[in-house]
């Protein structure tokens, strides 16, 4: 699952059963106000370095249960490949309450959290002018662009221009080329320094 940037919601997908995404609200909690495990001295176990492997040397911890409420479920239609929250999502600002999904034989869809309706779609096409579904998706840090990875290709969409308007960034010239990044682009991650630099991983076991 993916926590929303403001910590108010959890986004989960169920591709193997209903091909749906579920949005859960964290009742009365913010992500920076709770800890899953708290030590007896009030510290978080993540900061604790055990001095030995002896069970008696480890601190006692108590799990904290967070209440979730299933706010809405959205049927995507096919197997879900990836999903991402809008980076400026804030439950107090309805315009930002959205996320994107990519799934088999579908374009990238932008969904409204409150209504569960589709706001718009972003479509990429291959050299045969056939729809090519993205394997992974990511917003840039400002949320103005959507980057989508597919076979030897990354496509960049302007969020304000739905449809098939995009910039193509080939990662490898041809299928037989030994230069560049081959295979399906399976993940994208942006450097938080706001420089626009991002890393791309592929099923060919390479990162660029």
N, C-alpha and C. Protein backbone atom coordinates (compact mmCIF):
# COMPACT_ATOMS: atom_id res chain seq x y z
N UNK A 1 0.82 -1.20 0.00
CA UNK A 1 0.00 0.00 0.00
C UNK A 1 0.85 1.25 0.00
N UNK A 2 0.24 2.38 -0.38
CA UNK A 2 0.93 3.67 -0.43
C UNK A 2 0.21 4.67 0.44
N UNK A 3 0.93 5.24 1.43
CA UNK A 3 0.37 6.32 2.21
C UNK A 3 0.32 7.59 1.36
N UNK A 4 -0.73 8.38 1.53
CA UNK A 4 -0.82 9.65 0.83
C UNK A 4 0.21 10.62 1.42
N UNK A 5 0.65 11.62 0.65
CA UNK A 5 1.66 12.56 1.15
C UNK A 5 1.28 13.26 2.45
N UNK A 6 -0.03 13.48 2.68
CA UNK A 6 -0.44 14.15 3.92
C UNK A 6 -0.69 13.15 5.05
N UNK A 7 -0.52 11.84 4.77
CA UNK A 7 -0.68 10.82 5.79
C UNK A 7 -2.10 10.49 6.18
N UNK A 8 -3.09 10.96 5.42
CA UNK A 8 -4.49 10.76 5.80
C UNK A 8 -5.11 9.51 5.18
N UNK A 9 -4.50 8.96 4.13
CA UNK A 9 -5.10 7.85 3.41
C UNK A 9 -4.06 6.78 3.06
N UNK A 10 -4.56 5.58 2.81
CA UNK A 10 -3.73 4.47 2.36
C UNK A 10 -4.34 3.92 1.08
N UNK A 11 -3.52 3.80 0.05
CA UNK A 11 -3.97 3.32 -1.26
C UNK A 11 -3.46 1.90 -1.47
N UNK A 12 -4.38 0.96 -1.72
CA UNK A 12 -4.01 -0.45 -1.92
C UNK A 12 -4.65 -0.96 -3.20
N UNK A 13 -3.95 -1.85 -3.88
CA UNK A 13 -4.47 -2.44 -5.12
C UNK A 13 -4.66 -3.93 -4.94
N UNK A 14 -5.66 -4.49 -5.66
CA UNK A 14 -5.98 -5.92 -5.59
C UNK A 14 -6.08 -6.47 -7.00
N UNK A 15 -4.94 -6.58 -7.67
CA UNK A 15 -4.94 -7.03 -9.06
C UNK A 15 -5.35 -8.48 -9.22
N UNK A 16 -5.01 -9.32 -8.24
CA UNK A 16 -5.24 -10.76 -8.39
C UNK A 16 -6.70 -11.15 -8.20
N UNK A 17 -7.50 -10.26 -7.62
CA UNK A 17 -8.90 -10.61 -7.36
C UNK A 17 -9.87 -9.75 -8.15
N UNK A 18 -9.95 -8.47 -7.81
CA UNK A 18 -10.98 -7.63 -8.42
C UNK A 18 -10.43 -6.54 -9.33
N UNK A 19 -9.10 -6.48 -9.49
CA UNK A 19 -8.49 -5.43 -10.31
C UNK A 19 -9.00 -4.05 -9.88
N UNK A 20 -8.96 -3.82 -8.58
CA UNK A 20 -9.47 -2.57 -8.01
C UNK A 20 -8.43 -1.91 -7.12
N UNK A 21 -8.63 -0.63 -6.89
CA UNK A 21 -7.84 0.08 -5.89
C UNK A 21 -8.79 0.48 -4.76
N UNK A 22 -8.28 0.41 -3.55
CA UNK A 22 -9.07 0.75 -2.36
C UNK A 22 -8.39 1.89 -1.63
N UNK A 23 -9.18 2.88 -1.22
CA UNK A 23 -8.67 4.01 -0.46
C UNK A 23 -9.18 3.88 0.97
N UNK A 24 -8.26 3.83 1.92
CA UNK A 24 -8.60 3.73 3.33
C UNK A 24 -8.24 5.04 4.02
N UNK A 25 -9.15 5.53 4.87
CA UNK A 25 -8.86 6.71 5.68
C UNK A 25 -8.30 6.27 7.03
N UNK A 26 -7.26 6.97 7.50
CA UNK A 26 -6.71 6.74 8.82
C UNK A 26 -7.46 7.63 9.79
N UNK A 27 -8.33 7.03 10.56
CA UNK A 27 -9.25 7.78 11.40
C UNK A 27 -8.52 8.50 12.53
N UNK A 28 -8.57 9.83 12.49
CA UNK A 28 -8.04 10.65 13.55
C UNK A 28 -6.54 10.60 13.71
N UNK A 29 -5.82 10.19 12.64
CA UNK A 29 -4.37 10.06 12.75
C UNK A 29 -3.69 10.79 11.61
N UNK A 30 -2.48 11.25 11.85
CA UNK A 30 -1.60 11.76 10.82
C UNK A 30 -0.36 10.90 10.83
N UNK A 31 0.27 10.73 9.68
CA UNK A 31 1.37 9.79 9.56
C UNK A 31 2.54 10.11 10.48
N UNK A 32 2.75 11.41 10.82
CA UNK A 32 3.89 11.76 11.66
C UNK A 32 3.53 11.80 13.14
N UNK A 33 2.31 11.35 13.48
CA UNK A 33 1.87 11.39 14.86
C UNK A 33 1.79 10.02 15.50
N UNK A 34 2.07 8.97 14.74
CA UNK A 34 2.00 7.65 15.35
C UNK A 34 3.22 6.83 15.00
N UNK A 35 3.45 5.83 15.84
CA UNK A 35 4.56 4.91 15.65
C UNK A 35 4.01 3.51 15.76
N UNK A 36 4.37 2.64 14.82
CA UNK A 36 3.87 1.27 14.88
C UNK A 36 4.39 0.53 16.11
N UNK A 37 5.62 0.79 16.50
CA UNK A 37 6.21 0.14 17.66
C UNK A 37 6.91 1.17 18.52
N UNK A 38 6.55 1.21 19.79
CA UNK A 38 7.16 2.15 20.72
C UNK A 38 7.83 1.40 21.85
N UNK A 39 9.06 1.78 22.16
CA UNK A 39 9.78 1.14 23.24
C UNK A 39 9.24 1.57 24.59
N UNK A 40 9.66 0.89 25.65
CA UNK A 40 9.18 1.18 26.99
C UNK A 40 9.62 2.56 27.45
N UNK A 41 10.70 3.11 26.85
CA UNK A 41 11.17 4.43 27.24
C UNK A 41 10.64 5.53 26.34
N UNK A 42 9.68 5.16 25.45
CA UNK A 42 9.06 6.15 24.58
C UNK A 42 9.77 6.34 23.27
N UNK A 43 10.90 5.67 23.07
CA UNK A 43 11.62 5.79 21.82
C UNK A 43 11.09 4.80 20.81
N UNK A 44 11.43 5.04 19.56
CA UNK A 44 11.02 4.14 18.49
C UNK A 44 12.06 3.05 18.30
N UNK A 45 11.62 1.80 18.13
CA UNK A 45 12.54 0.68 17.97
C UNK A 45 13.43 0.82 16.76
N UNK A 46 13.00 1.63 15.76
CA UNK A 46 13.81 1.81 14.57
C UNK A 46 15.15 2.48 14.91
N UNK A 47 15.17 3.24 16.04
CA UNK A 47 16.39 3.93 16.44
C UNK A 47 17.21 3.12 17.44
N UNK A 48 16.72 1.92 17.79
CA UNK A 48 17.40 1.13 18.81
C UNK A 48 18.36 0.14 18.18
N UNK A 49 19.56 0.10 18.68
CA UNK A 49 20.56 -0.86 18.21
C UNK A 49 20.84 -1.84 19.34
N UNK A 50 20.38 -3.08 19.18
CA UNK A 50 20.51 -4.07 20.24
C UNK A 50 21.97 -4.39 20.49
N UNK A 51 22.41 -4.37 21.77
CA UNK A 51 23.80 -4.65 22.07
C UNK A 51 24.17 -6.12 21.93
N UNK A 52 23.19 -7.01 21.95
CA UNK A 52 23.47 -8.43 21.81
C UNK A 52 22.25 -9.11 21.23
N UNK A 53 22.41 -10.40 20.88
CA UNK A 53 21.30 -11.16 20.32
C UNK A 53 20.44 -11.80 21.38
N UNK A 54 20.80 -11.63 22.65
CA UNK A 54 20.05 -12.23 23.75
C UNK A 54 18.67 -11.61 23.84
N UNK A 55 17.61 -12.42 23.90
CA UNK A 55 16.25 -11.87 23.99
C UNK A 55 16.09 -10.93 25.17
N UNK A 56 16.79 -11.21 26.28
CA UNK A 56 16.64 -10.38 27.47
C UNK A 56 17.23 -8.99 27.29
N UNK A 57 18.10 -8.85 26.27
CA UNK A 57 18.76 -7.57 26.04
C UNK A 57 17.94 -6.65 25.15
N UNK A 58 16.87 -7.18 24.55
CA UNK A 58 16.07 -6.38 23.64
C UNK A 58 14.94 -5.70 24.39
N UNK A 59 14.56 -4.47 23.97
CA UNK A 59 13.49 -3.75 24.66
C UNK A 59 12.14 -4.38 24.39
N UNK A 60 11.24 -4.19 25.31
CA UNK A 60 9.87 -4.67 25.13
C UNK A 60 9.12 -3.64 24.29
N UNK A 61 8.40 -4.11 23.28
CA UNK A 61 7.65 -3.19 22.43
C UNK A 61 6.21 -3.64 22.33
N UNK A 62 5.32 -2.68 22.17
CA UNK A 62 3.89 -2.96 22.10
C UNK A 62 3.34 -2.46 20.78
N UNK A 63 2.72 -3.34 19.97
CA UNK A 63 2.15 -2.88 18.69
C UNK A 63 1.03 -1.87 18.91
N UNK A 64 0.97 -0.88 18.05
CA UNK A 64 -0.08 0.12 18.10
C UNK A 64 -1.00 -0.09 16.90
N UNK A 65 -2.30 -0.24 17.16
CA UNK A 65 -3.27 -0.49 16.10
C UNK A 65 -3.83 0.83 15.57
N UNK A 66 -3.81 0.97 14.26
CA UNK A 66 -4.35 2.16 13.61
C UNK A 66 -5.67 1.80 12.95
N UNK A 67 -6.73 2.58 13.27
CA UNK A 67 -8.04 2.31 12.70
C UNK A 67 -8.10 2.78 11.25
N UNK A 68 -8.60 1.91 10.36
CA UNK A 68 -8.76 2.25 8.95
C UNK A 68 -10.23 2.12 8.56
N UNK A 69 -10.68 3.01 7.73
CA UNK A 69 -12.04 2.91 7.20
C UNK A 69 -11.97 2.90 5.68
N UNK A 70 -12.63 1.91 5.07
CA UNK A 70 -12.62 1.78 3.61
C UNK A 70 -13.51 2.86 3.02
N UNK A 71 -12.89 3.94 2.53
CA UNK A 71 -13.65 5.07 2.02
C UNK A 71 -14.28 4.79 0.66
N UNK A 72 -13.49 4.20 -0.25
CA UNK A 72 -14.02 3.92 -1.59
C UNK A 72 -13.18 2.86 -2.28
N UNK A 73 -13.79 2.21 -3.26
CA UNK A 73 -13.11 1.22 -4.09
C UNK A 73 -13.37 1.58 -5.54
N UNK A 74 -12.32 1.50 -6.35
CA UNK A 74 -12.43 1.87 -7.76
C UNK A 74 -11.98 0.69 -8.61
N UNK A 75 -12.85 0.23 -9.50
CA UNK A 75 -12.51 -0.85 -10.41
C UNK A 75 -11.75 -0.29 -11.60
N UNK A 76 -10.53 -0.78 -11.80
CA UNK A 76 -9.68 -0.30 -12.88
C UNK A 76 -9.92 -1.09 -14.17
N UNK A 77 -10.33 -2.34 -14.05
CA UNK A 77 -10.70 -3.13 -15.23
C UNK A 77 -9.74 -4.24 -15.56
N UNK A 78 -8.44 -3.99 -15.43
CA UNK A 78 -7.43 -5.00 -15.75
C UNK A 78 -6.35 -5.01 -14.66
N UNK A 79 -5.38 -5.90 -14.82
CA UNK A 79 -4.31 -6.02 -13.83
C UNK A 79 -3.59 -4.69 -13.65
N UNK A 80 -3.45 -4.29 -12.40
CA UNK A 80 -2.84 -3.00 -12.08
C UNK A 80 -1.33 -3.16 -12.01
N UNK A 81 -0.62 -2.35 -12.79
CA UNK A 81 0.84 -2.40 -12.79
C UNK A 81 1.45 -1.49 -11.73
N UNK A 82 0.90 -0.29 -11.60
CA UNK A 82 1.50 0.67 -10.68
C UNK A 82 0.49 1.77 -10.35
N UNK A 83 0.73 2.48 -9.25
CA UNK A 83 -0.11 3.61 -8.86
C UNK A 83 0.72 4.58 -8.04
N UNK A 84 0.35 5.87 -8.08
CA UNK A 84 1.08 6.90 -7.35
C UNK A 84 0.13 8.03 -6.94
N UNK A 85 0.33 8.52 -5.72
CA UNK A 85 -0.41 9.68 -5.26
C UNK A 85 0.13 10.95 -5.93
N UNK A 86 -0.76 11.94 -6.08
CA UNK A 86 -0.32 13.28 -6.46
C UNK A 86 0.55 13.81 -5.32
N UNK A 87 1.76 14.29 -5.58
CA UNK A 87 2.71 14.60 -4.51
C UNK A 87 2.27 15.72 -3.56
N UNK A 88 1.38 16.61 -4.01
CA UNK A 88 0.90 17.69 -3.15
C UNK A 88 -0.46 17.38 -2.55
N UNK A 89 -0.84 16.09 -2.54
CA UNK A 89 -2.15 15.70 -2.05
C UNK A 89 -2.36 16.14 -0.60
N UNK A 90 -3.47 16.83 -0.37
CA UNK A 90 -3.87 17.28 0.96
C UNK A 90 -5.38 17.13 1.06
N UNK A 91 -5.84 16.38 2.03
CA UNK A 91 -7.27 16.10 2.14
C UNK A 91 -8.09 17.36 2.31
N UNK A 92 -7.47 18.45 2.80
CA UNK A 92 -8.19 19.71 2.98
C UNK A 92 -8.35 20.48 1.67
N UNK A 93 -7.64 20.05 0.62
CA UNK A 93 -7.72 20.73 -0.68
C UNK A 93 -8.24 19.74 -1.72
N UNK A 94 -9.53 19.77 -2.03
CA UNK A 94 -10.13 18.79 -2.95
C UNK A 94 -9.43 18.68 -4.30
N UNK A 95 -8.87 19.77 -4.80
CA UNK A 95 -8.23 19.73 -6.12
C UNK A 95 -7.03 18.80 -6.13
N UNK A 96 -6.39 18.61 -4.99
CA UNK A 96 -5.19 17.78 -4.92
C UNK A 96 -5.49 16.32 -4.55
N UNK A 97 -6.73 16.00 -4.27
CA UNK A 97 -7.09 14.65 -3.83
C UNK A 97 -7.22 13.70 -5.01
N UNK A 98 -6.08 13.27 -5.52
CA UNK A 98 -6.08 12.41 -6.69
C UNK A 98 -4.85 11.52 -6.74
N UNK A 99 -4.91 10.52 -7.60
CA UNK A 99 -3.79 9.61 -7.80
C UNK A 99 -3.88 9.04 -9.21
N UNK A 100 -2.79 8.44 -9.67
CA UNK A 100 -2.77 7.85 -11.01
C UNK A 100 -2.58 6.34 -10.91
N UNK A 101 -3.09 5.64 -11.91
CA UNK A 101 -2.87 4.20 -12.03
C UNK A 101 -2.49 3.87 -13.47
N UNK A 102 -1.77 2.79 -13.63
CA UNK A 102 -1.54 2.22 -14.95
C UNK A 102 -1.85 0.74 -14.87
N UNK A 103 -2.51 0.23 -15.88
CA UNK A 103 -2.93 -1.17 -15.87
C UNK A 103 -2.88 -1.74 -17.28
N UNK A 104 -3.00 -3.05 -17.36
CA UNK A 104 -2.90 -3.77 -18.63
C UNK A 104 -3.94 -3.26 -19.63
N UNK A 105 -3.47 -2.95 -20.84
CA UNK A 105 -4.32 -2.52 -21.96
C UNK A 105 -5.11 -1.25 -21.66
N UNK A 106 -4.59 -0.42 -20.75
CA UNK A 106 -5.25 0.84 -20.43
C UNK A 106 -4.23 1.98 -20.43
N UNK A 107 -4.69 3.19 -20.71
CA UNK A 107 -3.80 4.35 -20.55
C UNK A 107 -3.62 4.65 -19.07
N UNK A 108 -2.85 5.67 -18.76
CA UNK A 108 -2.71 6.13 -17.38
C UNK A 108 -3.97 6.92 -17.02
N UNK A 109 -4.57 6.56 -15.91
CA UNK A 109 -5.79 7.26 -15.48
C UNK A 109 -5.50 8.10 -14.24
N UNK A 110 -6.07 9.29 -14.20
CA UNK A 110 -6.03 10.15 -13.01
C UNK A 110 -7.38 10.07 -12.33
N UNK A 111 -7.39 9.63 -11.05
CA UNK A 111 -8.63 9.37 -10.33
C UNK A 111 -8.85 10.39 -9.23
N UNK A 112 -10.13 10.72 -9.01
CA UNK A 112 -10.53 11.60 -7.92
C UNK A 112 -10.82 10.78 -6.68
N UNK A 113 -10.18 11.11 -5.56
CA UNK A 113 -10.35 10.32 -4.33
C UNK A 113 -11.76 10.44 -3.78
N UNK A 114 -12.32 11.63 -3.76
CA UNK A 114 -13.62 11.87 -3.13
C UNK A 114 -14.77 11.18 -3.87
N UNK A 115 -14.80 11.33 -5.19
CA UNK A 115 -15.92 10.79 -5.97
C UNK A 115 -15.64 9.41 -6.54
N UNK A 116 -14.36 9.03 -6.63
CA UNK A 116 -14.02 7.74 -7.25
C UNK A 116 -14.12 7.77 -8.76
N UNK A 117 -14.30 8.95 -9.33
CA UNK A 117 -14.44 9.07 -10.78
C UNK A 117 -13.09 9.36 -11.43
N UNK A 118 -13.02 9.08 -12.73
CA UNK A 118 -11.81 9.34 -13.50
C UNK A 118 -11.80 10.80 -13.95
N UNK A 119 -10.74 11.50 -13.63
CA UNK A 119 -10.63 12.90 -14.05
C UNK A 119 -10.19 13.01 -15.50
N UNK A 120 -9.17 12.23 -15.88
CA UNK A 120 -8.66 12.28 -17.25
C UNK A 120 -7.70 11.12 -17.46
N UNK A 121 -7.18 11.00 -18.69
CA UNK A 121 -6.27 9.91 -19.04
C UNK A 121 -5.11 10.43 -19.86
N UNK A 122 -4.00 9.68 -19.80
CA UNK A 122 -2.78 10.02 -20.55
C UNK A 122 -2.34 8.76 -21.30
N UNK A 123 -2.25 8.85 -22.61
CA UNK A 123 -2.03 7.66 -23.44
C UNK A 123 -0.70 7.72 -24.18
N UNK A 124 0.03 6.62 -24.12
CA UNK A 124 1.26 6.49 -24.89
C UNK A 124 1.08 5.48 -26.01
N UNK A 125 1.76 5.70 -27.13
CA UNK A 125 1.59 4.83 -28.29
C UNK A 125 2.95 4.35 -28.80
N UNK A 126 2.95 3.13 -29.34
CA UNK A 126 4.20 2.57 -29.86
C UNK A 126 4.40 2.97 -31.32
N UNK A 127 5.41 2.36 -31.97
CA UNK A 127 5.74 2.73 -33.35
C UNK A 127 4.67 2.27 -34.35
N UNK A 128 3.77 1.39 -33.91
CA UNK A 128 2.65 0.95 -34.75
C UNK A 128 1.39 1.78 -34.48
N UNK A 129 1.54 2.82 -33.68
CA UNK A 129 0.43 3.69 -33.29
C UNK A 129 -0.63 2.91 -32.52
N UNK A 130 -0.19 1.95 -31.74
CA UNK A 130 -1.08 1.19 -30.86
C UNK A 130 -0.80 1.58 -29.41
N UNK A 131 -1.86 1.58 -28.60
CA UNK A 131 -1.73 1.96 -27.20
C UNK A 131 -0.71 1.06 -26.50
N UNK A 132 0.24 1.67 -25.80
CA UNK A 132 1.23 0.93 -25.05
C UNK A 132 1.09 1.30 -23.57
N UNK A 133 0.64 0.35 -22.78
CA UNK A 133 0.44 0.61 -21.36
C UNK A 133 1.77 0.81 -20.66
N UNK A 134 1.79 1.72 -19.71
CA UNK A 134 3.00 1.95 -18.92
C UNK A 134 3.15 0.84 -17.89
N UNK A 135 4.38 0.44 -17.64
CA UNK A 135 4.67 -0.57 -16.61
C UNK A 135 4.79 0.09 -15.24
N UNK A 136 5.33 1.31 -15.22
CA UNK A 136 5.46 2.05 -13.97
C UNK A 136 5.17 3.52 -14.23
N UNK A 137 4.77 4.22 -13.18
CA UNK A 137 4.47 5.65 -13.29
C UNK A 137 5.02 6.39 -12.09
N UNK A 138 5.29 7.67 -12.29
CA UNK A 138 5.75 8.52 -11.19
C UNK A 138 5.49 9.97 -11.54
N UNK A 139 5.03 10.75 -10.56
CA UNK A 139 5.00 12.19 -10.72
C UNK A 139 6.40 12.73 -10.47
N UNK A 140 6.73 13.87 -11.10
CA UNK A 140 7.92 14.57 -10.65
C UNK A 140 7.60 15.22 -9.31
N UNK A 141 8.57 15.80 -8.64
CA UNK A 141 8.37 16.28 -7.28
C UNK A 141 7.36 17.41 -7.18
N UNK A 142 7.26 18.22 -8.22
CA UNK A 142 6.30 19.33 -8.20
C UNK A 142 4.89 18.90 -8.60
N UNK A 143 4.77 17.71 -9.19
CA UNK A 143 3.47 17.22 -9.63
C UNK A 143 3.01 17.77 -10.96
N UNK A 144 3.89 18.44 -11.67
CA UNK A 144 3.51 19.03 -12.97
C UNK A 144 3.68 18.06 -14.13
N UNK A 145 4.42 16.97 -13.93
CA UNK A 145 4.69 16.00 -14.99
C UNK A 145 4.44 14.58 -14.48
N UNK A 146 4.04 13.71 -15.41
CA UNK A 146 3.93 12.28 -15.13
C UNK A 146 4.95 11.57 -16.01
N UNK A 147 5.79 10.76 -15.40
CA UNK A 147 6.76 9.97 -16.14
C UNK A 147 6.28 8.51 -16.14
N UNK A 148 6.33 7.89 -17.32
CA UNK A 148 5.81 6.53 -17.48
C UNK A 148 6.84 5.65 -18.18
N UNK A 149 7.16 4.52 -17.57
CA UNK A 149 8.13 3.60 -18.14
C UNK A 149 7.46 2.46 -18.88
N UNK A 150 8.02 2.11 -20.02
CA UNK A 150 7.52 0.98 -20.81
C UNK A 150 8.72 0.28 -21.45
N UNK A 151 8.54 -0.38 -22.58
CA UNK A 151 9.61 -1.14 -23.20
C UNK A 151 10.64 -0.22 -23.86
N UNK A 152 11.82 -0.11 -23.26
CA UNK A 152 12.91 0.73 -23.76
C UNK A 152 12.50 2.19 -23.98
N UNK A 153 11.55 2.64 -23.15
CA UNK A 153 11.01 3.97 -23.36
C UNK A 153 10.49 4.56 -22.05
N UNK A 154 10.73 5.87 -21.87
CA UNK A 154 10.10 6.64 -20.80
C UNK A 154 9.36 7.79 -21.46
N UNK A 155 8.10 7.93 -21.13
CA UNK A 155 7.29 9.02 -21.69
C UNK A 155 6.98 10.03 -20.60
N UNK A 156 7.04 11.30 -20.97
CA UNK A 156 6.78 12.39 -20.04
C UNK A 156 5.53 13.14 -20.46
N UNK A 157 4.52 13.16 -19.59
CA UNK A 157 3.25 13.82 -19.86
C UNK A 157 3.14 15.09 -19.02
N UNK A 158 2.61 16.13 -19.62
CA UNK A 158 2.25 17.35 -18.88
C UNK A 158 0.90 17.08 -18.22
N UNK A 159 0.84 17.22 -16.90
CA UNK A 159 -0.40 16.91 -16.18
C UNK A 159 -1.56 17.76 -16.67
N UNK A 160 -1.29 18.98 -17.09
CA UNK A 160 -2.34 19.89 -17.54
C UNK A 160 -2.83 19.61 -18.95
N UNK A 161 -2.19 18.64 -19.65
CA UNK A 161 -2.56 18.32 -21.02
C UNK A 161 -2.84 16.83 -21.18
N UNK A 162 -4.03 16.36 -20.79
CA UNK A 162 -4.37 14.95 -20.95
C UNK A 162 -4.41 14.55 -22.42
N UNK A 163 -4.43 13.24 -22.65
CA UNK A 163 -4.48 12.74 -24.03
C UNK A 163 -3.18 12.08 -24.42
N UNK A 164 -2.78 12.28 -25.66
CA UNK A 164 -1.57 11.63 -26.17
C UNK A 164 -0.43 12.61 -26.42
N UNK A 165 -0.45 13.73 -25.73
CA UNK A 165 0.64 14.69 -25.83
C UNK A 165 1.73 14.33 -24.83
N UNK A 166 2.90 13.97 -25.31
CA UNK A 166 3.98 13.59 -24.42
C UNK A 166 5.32 13.73 -25.12
N UNK A 167 6.36 13.70 -24.31
CA UNK A 167 7.73 13.71 -24.81
C UNK A 167 8.32 12.31 -24.62
N UNK A 168 8.91 11.77 -25.67
CA UNK A 168 9.49 10.42 -25.60
C UNK A 168 10.96 10.49 -25.23
N UNK A 169 11.36 9.63 -24.31
CA UNK A 169 12.75 9.53 -23.89
C UNK A 169 13.19 8.08 -24.10
N UNK A 170 13.73 7.74 -25.26
CA UNK A 170 14.16 6.34 -25.50
C UNK A 170 15.33 5.99 -24.58
N UNK A 171 15.29 4.80 -24.00
CA UNK A 171 16.41 4.35 -23.17
C UNK A 171 17.37 3.46 -23.94
N UNK A 172 16.95 3.04 -25.12
CA UNK A 172 17.77 2.18 -25.98
C UNK A 172 17.28 2.37 -27.41
N UNK A 173 18.20 2.52 -28.36
CA UNK A 173 17.81 2.84 -29.73
C UNK A 173 16.97 1.74 -30.36
N UNK A 174 17.45 0.51 -30.32
CA UNK A 174 16.75 -0.61 -30.93
C UNK A 174 16.79 -1.81 -29.99
N UNK A 175 15.99 -2.81 -30.31
CA UNK A 175 15.96 -4.03 -29.51
C UNK A 175 17.33 -4.72 -29.47
N UNK A 176 18.10 -4.60 -30.55
CA UNK A 176 19.39 -5.28 -30.63
C UNK A 176 20.57 -4.41 -30.20
N UNK A 177 20.29 -3.15 -29.91
CA UNK A 177 21.36 -2.24 -29.54
C UNK A 177 22.01 -2.68 -28.22
N UNK A 178 23.33 -2.57 -28.16
CA UNK A 178 24.05 -2.94 -26.94
C UNK A 178 24.24 -1.72 -26.03
N UNK A 179 23.94 -0.54 -26.53
CA UNK A 179 24.05 0.68 -25.74
C UNK A 179 22.71 1.04 -25.11
N UNK A 180 22.77 1.79 -24.02
CA UNK A 180 21.54 2.24 -23.38
C UNK A 180 20.96 1.22 -22.43
N UNK A 181 19.74 1.46 -22.01
CA UNK A 181 19.04 0.61 -21.04
C UNK A 181 17.98 -0.22 -21.75
N UNK A 182 18.17 -1.51 -21.75
CA UNK A 182 17.26 -2.41 -22.45
C UNK A 182 16.17 -2.92 -21.52
N UNK A 183 15.15 -3.52 -22.14
CA UNK A 183 14.08 -4.15 -21.38
C UNK A 183 12.98 -3.19 -20.94
N UNK A 184 12.04 -3.73 -20.16
CA UNK A 184 10.91 -2.96 -19.65
C UNK A 184 11.37 -2.08 -18.48
N UNK A 185 11.06 -0.80 -18.55
CA UNK A 185 11.37 0.10 -17.44
C UNK A 185 10.34 -0.16 -16.34
N UNK A 186 10.83 -0.65 -15.21
CA UNK A 186 9.93 -1.16 -14.17
C UNK A 186 9.76 -0.24 -12.97
N UNK A 187 10.65 0.75 -12.79
CA UNK A 187 10.51 1.66 -11.66
C UNK A 187 11.21 2.98 -11.94
N UNK A 188 10.69 4.04 -11.33
CA UNK A 188 11.24 5.39 -11.49
C UNK A 188 11.29 6.06 -10.13
N UNK A 189 12.37 6.80 -9.87
CA UNK A 189 12.50 7.49 -8.59
C UNK A 189 13.23 8.81 -8.80
N UNK A 190 12.64 9.90 -8.26
CA UNK A 190 13.22 11.24 -8.42
C UNK A 190 14.10 11.61 -7.23
N UNK A 191 15.20 12.29 -7.56
CA UNK A 191 16.09 12.82 -6.53
C UNK A 191 15.37 13.95 -5.80
N UNK A 192 15.32 13.92 -4.45
CA UNK A 192 14.58 14.96 -3.72
C UNK A 192 15.22 16.34 -3.72
N UNK A 193 16.34 16.53 -4.42
CA UNK A 193 17.00 17.83 -4.43
C UNK A 193 16.37 18.82 -5.41
N UNK A 194 15.23 18.40 -6.05
CA UNK A 194 14.48 19.26 -6.97
C UNK A 194 15.26 19.59 -8.24
N UNK A 195 16.30 18.84 -8.55
CA UNK A 195 17.09 19.10 -9.76
C UNK A 195 16.43 18.50 -11.00
N UNK A 196 15.45 17.64 -10.82
CA UNK A 196 14.82 16.96 -11.95
C UNK A 196 15.49 15.65 -12.30
N UNK A 197 16.56 15.31 -11.60
CA UNK A 197 17.27 14.05 -11.85
C UNK A 197 16.44 12.87 -11.33
N UNK A 198 16.37 11.83 -12.13
CA UNK A 198 15.65 10.63 -11.68
C UNK A 198 16.39 9.38 -12.10
N UNK A 199 16.11 8.30 -11.41
CA UNK A 199 16.71 7.00 -11.73
C UNK A 199 15.62 6.09 -12.30
N UNK A 200 16.05 5.23 -13.24
CA UNK A 200 15.12 4.29 -13.87
C UNK A 200 15.70 2.89 -13.76
N UNK A 201 14.89 1.96 -13.30
CA UNK A 201 15.31 0.56 -13.23
C UNK A 201 14.54 -0.25 -14.26
N UNK A 202 15.15 -1.32 -14.75
CA UNK A 202 14.48 -2.14 -15.76
C UNK A 202 14.56 -3.62 -15.40
N UNK A 203 13.74 -4.41 -16.08
CA UNK A 203 13.75 -5.87 -15.85
C UNK A 203 15.00 -6.52 -16.42
N UNK A 204 15.81 -5.75 -17.09
CA UNK A 204 17.10 -6.29 -17.58
C UNK A 204 18.17 -6.17 -16.50
N UNK A 205 17.75 -5.86 -15.28
CA UNK A 205 18.65 -5.76 -14.12
C UNK A 205 19.64 -4.60 -14.26
N UNK A 206 19.16 -3.46 -14.76
CA UNK A 206 20.00 -2.29 -14.90
C UNK A 206 19.32 -1.08 -14.29
N UNK A 207 20.13 -0.12 -13.83
CA UNK A 207 19.63 1.14 -13.30
C UNK A 207 20.40 2.27 -13.97
N UNK A 208 19.67 3.26 -14.45
CA UNK A 208 20.30 4.40 -15.11
C UNK A 208 19.79 5.71 -14.51
